[in-house]
Full PDB file with SEQRES, HELIX, SHEET, SSBOND, CRYST1, ORIGX, SCALE, CONECT and MASTER records, all heavy atoms in Angstrom:
SEQRES   1 A   32  SER VAL TRP SER ALA GLY MET ALA ARG MET THR SER GLY          
SEQRES   2 A   32  GLY ALA ALA ALA ALA ASP LEU ASP LEU LEU ARG ALA GLU          
SEQRES   3 A   32  GLN ARG GLY TRP ILE GLY                                      
HELIX    1 AA1 VAL A    2  SER A   12  1                                  11    
HELIX    2 AA2 ALA A   17  ILE A   31  1                                  15    
CRYST1    1.000    1.000    1.000  90.00  90.00  90.00 P 1           1          
ORIGX1      1.000000  0.000000  0.000000        0.00000                         
ORIGX2      0.000000  1.000000  0.000000        0.00000                         
ORIGX3      0.000000  0.000000  1.000000        0.00000                         
SCALE1      1.000000  0.000000  0.000000        0.00000                         
SCALE2      0.000000  1.000000  0.000000        0.00000                         
SCALE3      0.000000  0.000000  1.000000        0.00000                         
ATOM      1  N   SER A   1     -56.763 -43.326  -1.906  1.00  0.00           N  
ATOM      2  CA  SER A   1     -56.198 -44.488  -1.228  1.00  0.00           C  
ATOM      3  C   SER A   1     -55.923 -45.625  -2.205  1.00  0.00           C  
ATOM      4  O   SER A   1     -54.848 -46.248  -2.186  1.00  0.00           O  
ATOM      5  CB  SER A   1     -57.161 -44.960  -0.135  1.00  0.00           C  
ATOM      6  OG  SER A   1     -56.688 -46.133   0.487  1.00  0.00           O  
ATOM      7  N   VAL A   2     -56.885 -45.905  -3.083  1.00  0.00           N  
ATOM      8  CA  VAL A   2     -56.715 -46.967  -4.071  1.00  0.00           C  
ATOM      9  C   VAL A   2     -55.572 -46.633  -5.020  1.00  0.00           C  
ATOM     10  O   VAL A   2     -54.734 -47.485  -5.349  1.00  0.00           O  
ATOM     11  CB  VAL A   2     -58.034 -47.180  -4.845  1.00  0.00           C  
ATOM     12  CG1 VAL A   2     -57.828 -48.066  -6.065  1.00  0.00           C  
ATOM     13  CG2 VAL A   2     -59.099 -47.773  -3.930  1.00  0.00           C  
ATOM     14  N   TRP A   3     -55.550 -45.391  -5.466  1.00  0.00           N  
ATOM     15  CA  TRP A   3     -54.502 -44.957  -6.395  1.00  0.00           C  
ATOM     16  C   TRP A   3     -53.120 -45.097  -5.756  1.00  0.00           C  
ATOM     17  O   TRP A   3     -52.185 -45.609  -6.372  1.00  0.00           O  
ATOM     18  CB  TRP A   3     -54.760 -43.516  -6.808  1.00  0.00           C  
ATOM     19  CG  TRP A   3     -53.656 -42.907  -7.613  1.00  0.00           C  
ATOM     20  CD1 TRP A   3     -52.727 -42.004  -7.192  1.00  0.00           C  
ATOM     21  CD2 TRP A   3     -53.334 -43.174  -8.986  1.00  0.00           C  
ATOM     22  NE1 TRP A   3     -51.863 -41.683  -8.208  1.00  0.00           N  
ATOM     23  CE2 TRP A   3     -52.214 -42.389  -9.318  1.00  0.00           C  
ATOM     24  CE3 TRP A   3     -53.892 -43.996  -9.958  1.00  0.00           C  
ATOM     25  CZ2 TRP A   3     -51.640 -42.403 -10.583  1.00  0.00           C  
ATOM     26  CZ3 TRP A   3     -53.319 -44.014 -11.220  1.00  0.00           C  
ATOM     27  CH2 TRP A   3     -52.215 -43.225 -11.522  1.00  0.00           C  
ATOM     28  N   SER A   4     -52.980 -44.658  -4.506  1.00  0.00           N  
ATOM     29  CA  SER A   4     -51.693 -44.738  -3.817  1.00  0.00           C  
ATOM     30  C   SER A   4     -51.261 -46.195  -3.643  1.00  0.00           C  
ATOM     31  O   SER A   4     -50.085 -46.527  -3.827  1.00  0.00           O  
ATOM     32  CB  SER A   4     -51.777 -44.048  -2.448  1.00  0.00           C  
ATOM     33  OG  SER A   4     -52.051 -42.670  -2.594  1.00  0.00           O  
ATOM     34  N   ALA A   5     -52.213 -47.074  -3.292  1.00  0.00           N  
ATOM     35  CA  ALA A   5     -51.890 -48.490  -3.140  1.00  0.00           C  
ATOM     36  C   ALA A   5     -51.452 -49.098  -4.464  1.00  0.00           C  
ATOM     37  O   ALA A   5     -50.516 -49.903  -4.523  1.00  0.00           O  
ATOM     38  CB  ALA A   5     -53.105 -49.240  -2.583  1.00  0.00           C  
ATOM     39  N   GLY A   6     -52.127 -48.706  -5.542  1.00  0.00           N  
ATOM     40  CA  GLY A   6     -51.753 -49.218  -6.853  1.00  0.00           C  
ATOM     41  C   GLY A   6     -50.368 -48.763  -7.289  1.00  0.00           C  
ATOM     42  O   GLY A   6     -49.570 -49.553  -7.805  1.00  0.00           O  
ATOM     43  N   MET A   7     -50.075 -47.499  -7.074  1.00  0.00           N  
ATOM     44  CA  MET A   7     -48.757 -46.993  -7.445  1.00  0.00           C  
ATOM     45  C   MET A   7     -47.662 -47.649  -6.600  1.00  0.00           C  
ATOM     46  O   MET A   7     -46.576 -47.966  -7.104  1.00  0.00           O  
ATOM     47  CB  MET A   7     -48.725 -45.476  -7.295  1.00  0.00           C  
ATOM     48  CG  MET A   7     -49.600 -44.736  -8.290  1.00  0.00           C  
ATOM     49  SD  MET A   7     -49.078 -44.979 -10.021  1.00  0.00           S  
ATOM     50  CE  MET A   7     -47.629 -43.904 -10.076  1.00  0.00           C  
ATOM     51  N   ALA A   8     -47.944 -47.883  -5.319  1.00  0.00           N  
ATOM     52  CA  ALA A   8     -46.970 -48.555  -4.463  1.00  0.00           C  
ATOM     53  C   ALA A   8     -46.725 -49.983  -4.954  1.00  0.00           C  
ATOM     54  O   ALA A   8     -45.586 -50.467  -4.957  1.00  0.00           O  
ATOM     55  CB  ALA A   8     -47.464 -48.561  -3.021  1.00  0.00           C  
ATOM     56  N   ARG A   9     -47.799 -50.636  -5.390  1.00  0.00           N  
ATOM     57  CA  ARG A   9     -47.654 -51.996  -5.899  1.00  0.00           C  
ATOM     58  C   ARG A   9     -46.836 -52.006  -7.184  1.00  0.00           C  
ATOM     59  O   ARG A   9     -45.994 -52.874  -7.399  1.00  0.00           O  
ATOM     60  CB  ARG A   9     -49.034 -52.596  -6.135  1.00  0.00           C  
ATOM     61  CG  ARG A   9     -49.000 -54.044  -6.554  1.00  0.00           C  
ATOM     62  CD  ARG A   9     -50.365 -54.681  -6.469  1.00  0.00           C  
ATOM     63  NE  ARG A   9     -50.297 -56.105  -6.693  1.00  0.00           N  
ATOM     64  CZ  ARG A   9     -51.300 -56.929  -6.493  1.00  0.00           C  
ATOM     65  NH1 ARG A   9     -52.443 -56.470  -6.041  1.00  0.00           N  
ATOM     66  NH2 ARG A   9     -51.156 -58.214  -6.740  1.00  0.00           N  
ATOM     67  N   MET A  10     -47.101 -51.051  -8.056  1.00  0.00           N  
ATOM     68  CA  MET A  10     -46.316 -50.946  -9.289  1.00  0.00           C  
ATOM     69  C   MET A  10     -44.840 -50.709  -8.981  1.00  0.00           C  
ATOM     70  O   MET A  10     -43.958 -51.337  -9.566  1.00  0.00           O  
ATOM     71  CB  MET A  10     -46.863 -49.803 -10.149  1.00  0.00           C  
ATOM     72  CG  MET A  10     -48.215 -50.055 -10.762  1.00  0.00           C  
ATOM     73  SD  MET A  10     -48.140 -51.119 -12.224  1.00  0.00           S  
ATOM     74  CE  MET A  10     -47.341 -50.005 -13.394  1.00  0.00           C  
ATOM     75  N   THR A  11     -44.571 -49.808  -8.059  1.00  0.00           N  
ATOM     76  CA  THR A  11     -43.187 -49.465  -7.725  1.00  0.00           C  
ATOM     77  C   THR A  11     -42.471 -50.664  -7.119  1.00  0.00           C  
ATOM     78  O   THR A  11     -41.334 -50.996  -7.515  1.00  0.00           O  
ATOM     79  CB  THR A  11     -43.154 -48.273  -6.746  1.00  0.00           C  
ATOM     80  OG1 THR A  11     -43.798 -47.149  -7.352  1.00  0.00           O  
ATOM     81  CG2 THR A  11     -41.724 -47.894  -6.395  1.00  0.00           C  
ATOM     82  N   SER A  12     -43.113 -51.339  -6.156  1.00  0.00           N  
ATOM     83  CA  SER A  12     -42.470 -52.489  -5.525  1.00  0.00           C  
ATOM     84  C   SER A  12     -42.300 -53.648  -6.498  1.00  0.00           C  
ATOM     85  O   SER A  12     -41.431 -54.500  -6.317  1.00  0.00           O  
ATOM     86  CB  SER A  12     -43.286 -52.946  -4.303  1.00  0.00           C  
ATOM     87  OG  SER A  12     -44.567 -53.416  -4.702  1.00  0.00           O  
ATOM     88  N   GLY A  13     -43.134 -53.679  -7.548  1.00  0.00           N  
ATOM     89  CA  GLY A  13     -43.023 -54.728  -8.555  1.00  0.00           C  
ATOM     90  C   GLY A  13     -41.991 -54.437  -9.617  1.00  0.00           C  
ATOM     91  O   GLY A  13     -41.833 -55.209 -10.568  1.00  0.00           O  
ATOM     92  N   GLY A  14     -41.295 -53.309  -9.485  1.00  0.00           N  
ATOM     93  CA  GLY A  14     -40.217 -52.993 -10.422  1.00  0.00           C  
ATOM     94  C   GLY A  14     -40.664 -52.287 -11.681  1.00  0.00           C  
ATOM     95  O   GLY A  14     -39.966 -52.346 -12.702  1.00  0.00           O  
ATOM     96  N   ALA A  15     -41.800 -51.604 -11.644  1.00  0.00           N  
ATOM     97  CA  ALA A  15     -42.265 -50.883 -12.827  1.00  0.00           C  
ATOM     98  C   ALA A  15     -41.261 -49.807 -13.230  1.00  0.00           C  
ATOM     99  O   ALA A  15     -40.655 -49.154 -12.377  1.00  0.00           O  
ATOM    100  CB  ALA A  15     -43.627 -50.255 -12.564  1.00  0.00           C  
ATOM    101  N   ALA A  16     -41.098 -49.611 -14.525  1.00  0.00           N  
ATOM    102  CA  ALA A  16     -40.181 -48.599 -15.026  1.00  0.00           C  
ATOM    103  C   ALA A  16     -40.713 -47.205 -14.741  1.00  0.00           C  
ATOM    104  O   ALA A  16     -41.930 -46.996 -14.661  1.00  0.00           O  
ATOM    105  CB  ALA A  16     -39.983 -48.780 -16.533  1.00  0.00           C  
ATOM    106  N   ALA A  17     -39.806 -46.253 -14.600  1.00  0.00           N  
ATOM    107  CA  ALA A  17     -40.210 -44.871 -14.327  1.00  0.00           C  
ATOM    108  C   ALA A  17     -41.128 -44.344 -15.419  1.00  0.00           C  
ATOM    109  O   ALA A  17     -42.080 -43.605 -15.140  1.00  0.00           O  
ATOM    110  CB  ALA A  17     -38.970 -43.988 -14.190  1.00  0.00           C  
ATOM    111  N   ALA A  18     -40.862 -44.732 -16.676  1.00  0.00           N  
ATOM    112  CA  ALA A  18     -41.700 -44.260 -17.790  1.00  0.00           C  
ATOM    113  C   ALA A  18     -43.133 -44.778 -17.650  1.00  0.00           C  
ATOM    114  O   ALA A  18     -44.089 -44.066 -17.969  1.00  0.00           O  
ATOM    115  CB  ALA A  18     -41.107 -44.705 -19.121  1.00  0.00           C  
ATOM    116  N   ASP A  19     -43.292 -46.021 -17.160  1.00  0.00           N  
ATOM    117  CA  ASP A  19     -44.631 -46.576 -16.977  1.00  0.00           C  
ATOM    118  C   ASP A  19     -45.366 -45.843 -15.861  1.00  0.00           C  
ATOM    119  O   ASP A  19     -46.574 -45.565 -15.969  1.00  0.00           O  
ATOM    120  CB  ASP A  19     -44.544 -48.063 -16.645  1.00  0.00           C  
ATOM    121  CG  ASP A  19     -44.076 -48.894 -17.829  1.00  0.00           C  
ATOM    122  OD1 ASP A  19     -44.196 -48.412 -18.969  1.00  0.00           O  
ATOM    123  OD2 ASP A  19     -43.591 -50.019 -17.609  1.00  0.00           O  
ATOM    124  N   LEU A  20     -44.668 -45.513 -14.785  1.00  0.00           N  
ATOM    125  CA  LEU A  20     -45.287 -44.774 -13.690  1.00  0.00           C  
ATOM    126  C   LEU A  20     -45.688 -43.374 -14.146  1.00  0.00           C  
ATOM    127  O   LEU A  20     -46.757 -42.868 -13.778  1.00  0.00           O  
ATOM    128  CB  LEU A  20     -44.328 -44.700 -12.503  1.00  0.00           C  
ATOM    129  CG  LEU A  20     -43.981 -46.041 -11.845  1.00  0.00           C  
ATOM    130  CD1 LEU A  20     -42.921 -45.832 -10.765  1.00  0.00           C  
ATOM    131  CD2 LEU A  20     -45.211 -46.706 -11.258  1.00  0.00           C  
ATOM    132  N   ASP A  21     -44.829 -42.760 -14.950  1.00  0.00           N  
ATOM    133  CA  ASP A  21     -45.155 -41.426 -15.478  1.00  0.00           C  
ATOM    134  C   ASP A  21     -46.390 -41.490 -16.361  1.00  0.00           C  
ATOM    135  O   ASP A  21     -47.232 -40.571 -16.342  1.00  0.00           O  
ATOM    136  CB  ASP A  21     -43.972 -40.868 -16.271  1.00  0.00           C  
ATOM    137  CG  ASP A  21     -42.818 -40.438 -15.374  1.00  0.00           C  
ATOM    138  OD1 ASP A  21     -43.035 -40.267 -14.157  1.00  0.00           O  
ATOM    139  OD2 ASP A  21     -41.692 -40.277 -15.898  1.00  0.00           O  
ATOM    140  N   LEU A  22     -46.529 -42.573 -17.135  1.00  0.00           N  
ATOM    141  CA  LEU A  22     -47.705 -42.730 -17.994  1.00  0.00           C  
ATOM    142  C   LEU A  22     -48.980 -42.838 -17.164  1.00  0.00           C  
ATOM    143  O   LEU A  22     -50.000 -42.201 -17.478  1.00  0.00           O  
ATOM    144  CB  LEU A  22     -47.546 -43.971 -18.873  1.00  0.00           C  
ATOM    145  CG  LEU A  22     -48.740 -44.334 -19.772  1.00  0.00           C  
ATOM    146  CD1 LEU A  22     -49.062 -43.210 -20.735  1.00  0.00           C  
ATOM    147  CD2 LEU A  22     -48.469 -45.626 -20.521  1.00  0.00           C  
ATOM    148  N   LEU A  23     -48.924 -43.607 -16.087  1.00  0.00           N  
ATOM    149  CA  LEU A  23     -50.093 -43.745 -15.230  1.00  0.00           C  
ATOM    150  C   LEU A  23     -50.454 -42.421 -14.575  1.00  0.00           C  
ATOM    151  O   LEU A  23     -51.639 -42.073 -14.448  1.00  0.00           O  
ATOM    152  CB  LEU A  23     -49.833 -44.806 -14.158  1.00  0.00           C  
ATOM    153  CG  LEU A  23     -49.780 -46.255 -14.666  1.00  0.00           C  
ATOM    154  CD1 LEU A  23     -49.392 -47.194 -13.531  1.00  0.00           C  
ATOM    155  CD2 LEU A  23     -51.103 -46.676 -15.272  1.00  0.00           C  
ATOM    156  N   ARG A  24     -49.448 -41.663 -14.175  1.00  0.00           N  
ATOM    157  CA  ARG A  24     -49.726 -40.341 -13.579  1.00  0.00           C  
ATOM    158  C   ARG A  24     -50.377 -39.416 -14.609  1.00  0.00           C  
ATOM    159  O   ARG A  24     -51.301 -38.663 -14.287  1.00  0.00           O  
ATOM    160  CB  ARG A  24     -48.433 -39.735 -13.048  1.00  0.00           C  
ATOM    161  CG  ARG A  24     -47.829 -40.474 -11.851  1.00  0.00           C  
ATOM    162  CD  ARG A  24     -46.645 -39.718 -11.272  1.00  0.00           C  
ATOM    163  NE  ARG A  24     -45.990 -40.473 -10.218  1.00  0.00           N  
ATOM    164  CZ  ARG A  24     -44.884 -41.197 -10.399  1.00  0.00           C  
ATOM    165  NH1 ARG A  24     -44.301 -41.228 -11.589  1.00  0.00           N  
ATOM    166  NH2 ARG A  24     -44.349 -41.860  -9.390  1.00  0.00           N  
ATOM    167  N   ALA A  25     -49.889 -39.485 -15.840  1.00  0.00           N  
ATOM    168  CA  ALA A  25     -50.473 -38.645 -16.888  1.00  0.00           C  
ATOM    169  C   ALA A  25     -51.925 -39.045 -17.151  1.00  0.00           C  
ATOM    170  O   ALA A  25     -52.798 -38.185 -17.355  1.00  0.00           O  
ATOM    171  CB  ALA A  25     -49.646 -38.756 -18.171  1.00  0.00           C  
ATOM    172  N   GLU A  26     -52.207 -40.344 -17.128  1.00  0.00           N  
ATOM    173  CA  GLU A  26     -53.570 -40.807 -17.342  1.00  0.00           C  
ATOM    174  C   GLU A  26     -54.484 -40.375 -16.195  1.00  0.00           C  
ATOM    175  O   GLU A  26     -55.654 -40.029 -16.411  1.00  0.00           O  
ATOM    176  CB  GLU A  26     -53.578 -42.324 -17.513  1.00  0.00           C  
ATOM    177  CG  GLU A  26     -52.954 -42.766 -18.840  1.00  0.00           C  
ATOM    178  CD  GLU A  26     -52.824 -44.267 -18.957  1.00  0.00           C  
ATOM    179  OE1 GLU A  26     -52.835 -44.948 -17.907  1.00  0.00           O  
ATOM    180  OE2 GLU A  26     -52.693 -44.761 -20.085  1.00  0.00           O  
ATOM    181  N   GLN A  27     -53.937 -40.369 -14.982  1.00  0.00           N  
ATOM    182  CA  GLN A  27     -54.744 -39.907 -13.852  1.00  0.00           C  
ATOM    183  C   GLN A  27     -55.061 -38.418 -13.978  1.00  0.00           C  
ATOM    184  O   GLN A  27     -56.179 -37.983 -13.689  1.00  0.00           O  
ATOM    185  CB  GLN A  27     -54.013 -40.189 -12.533  1.00  0.00           C  
ATOM    186  CG  GLN A  27     -54.783 -39.795 -11.282  1.00  0.00           C  
ATOM    187  CD  GLN A  27     -56.037 -40.634 -11.054  1.00  0.00           C  
ATOM    188  OE1 GLN A  27     -56.312 -41.568 -11.798  1.00  0.00           O  
ATOM    189  NE2 GLN A  27     -56.793 -40.286 -10.018  1.00  0.00           N  
ATOM    190  N   ARG A  28     -54.082 -37.644 -14.428  1.00  0.00           N  
ATOM    191  CA  ARG A  28     -54.356 -36.214 -14.652  1.00  0.00           C  
ATOM    192  C   ARG A  28     -55.422 -36.047 -15.737  1.00  0.00           C  
ATOM    193  O   ARG A  28     -56.274 -35.146 -15.660  1.00  0.00           O  
ATOM    194  CB  ARG A  28     -53.072 -35.487 -15.038  1.00  0.00           C  
ATOM    195  CG  ARG A  28     -52.073 -35.345 -13.890  1.00  0.00           C  
ATOM    196  CD  ARG A  28     -50.960 -34.363 -14.240  1.00  0.00           C  
ATOM    197  NE  ARG A  28     -50.146 -34.812 -15.354  1.00  0.00           N  
ATOM    198  CZ  ARG A  28     -49.059 -35.575 -15.225  1.00  0.00           C  
ATOM    199  NH1 ARG A  28     -48.659 -35.967 -14.018  1.00  0.00           N  
ATOM    200  NH2 ARG A  28     -48.365 -35.929 -16.283  1.00  0.00           N  
ATOM    201  N   GLY A  29     -55.374 -36.912 -16.746  1.00  0.00           N  
ATOM    202  CA  GLY A  29     -56.398 -36.863 -17.789  1.00  0.00           C  
ATOM    203  C   GLY A  29     -57.778 -37.179 -17.233  1.00  0.00           C  
ATOM    204  O   GLY A  29     -58.772 -36.549 -17.621  1.00  0.00           O  
ATOM    205  N   TRP A  30     -57.841 -38.152 -16.309  1.00  0.00           N  
ATOM    206  CA  TRP A  30     -59.129 -38.456 -15.686  1.00  0.00           C  
ATOM    207  C   TRP A  30     -59.654 -37.255 -14.896  1.00  0.00           C  
ATOM    208  O   TRP A  30     -60.848 -36.953 -14.940  1.00  0.00           O  
ATOM    209  CB  TRP A  30     -59.012 -39.661 -14.752  1.00  0.00           C  
ATOM    210  CG  TRP A  30     -60.292 -39.858 -14.000  1.00  0.00           C  
ATOM    211  CD1 TRP A  30     -61.413 -40.487 -14.450  1.00  0.00           C  
ATOM    212  CD2 TRP A  30     -60.614 -39.342 -12.703  1.00  0.00           C  
ATOM    213  NE1 TRP A  30     -62.410 -40.409 -13.505  1.00  0.00           N  
ATOM    214  CE2 TRP A  30     -61.946 -39.711 -12.424  1.00  0.00           C  
ATOM    215  CE3 TRP A  30     -59.900 -38.614 -11.754  1.00  0.00           C  
ATOM    216  CZ2 TRP A  30     -62.577 -39.373 -11.239  1.00  0.00           C  
ATOM    217  CZ3 TRP A  30     -60.529 -38.275 -10.558  1.00  0.00           C  
ATOM    218  CH2 TRP A  30     -61.850 -38.654 -10.310  1.00  0.00           C  
ATOM    219  N   ILE A  31     -58.772 -36.575 -14.168  1.00  0.00           N  
ATOM    220  CA  ILE A  31     -59.194 -35.400 -13.400  1.00  0.00           C  
ATOM    221  C   ILE A  31     -59.819 -34.361 -14.328  1.00  0.00           C  
ATOM    222  O   ILE A  31     -60.855 -33.758 -14.019  1.00  0.00           O  
ATOM    223  CB  ILE A  31     -58.009 -34.808 -12.619  1.00  0.00           C  
ATOM    224  CG1 ILE A  31     -57.590 -35.776 -11.501  1.00  0.00           C  
ATOM    225  CG2 ILE A  31     -58.363 -33.434 -12.033  1.00  0.00           C  
ATOM    226  CD1 ILE A  31     -56.297 -35.388 -10.806  1.00  0.00           C  
ATOM    227  N   GLY A  32     -59.203 -34.166 -15.498  1.00  0.00           N  
ATOM    228  CA  GLY A  32     -59.778 -33.234 -16.464  1.00  0.00           C  
ATOM    229  C   GLY A  32     -61.154 -33.679 -16.914  1.00  0.00           C  
ATOM    230  O   GLY A  32     -62.076 -32.861 -17.055  1.00  0.00           O  
TER     231      GLY A  32                                                      
MASTER        0    0    0    2    0    0    0    6  230    1    0    3          
END                                                                             
């Protein structure tokens, strides 16, 4: 829930696609 809210906030704030991809990659790293 927190992650989804954060990504929604980033997207609505105009974050670049590359920045969103970086955050997703970091989240996958955390899962590992």
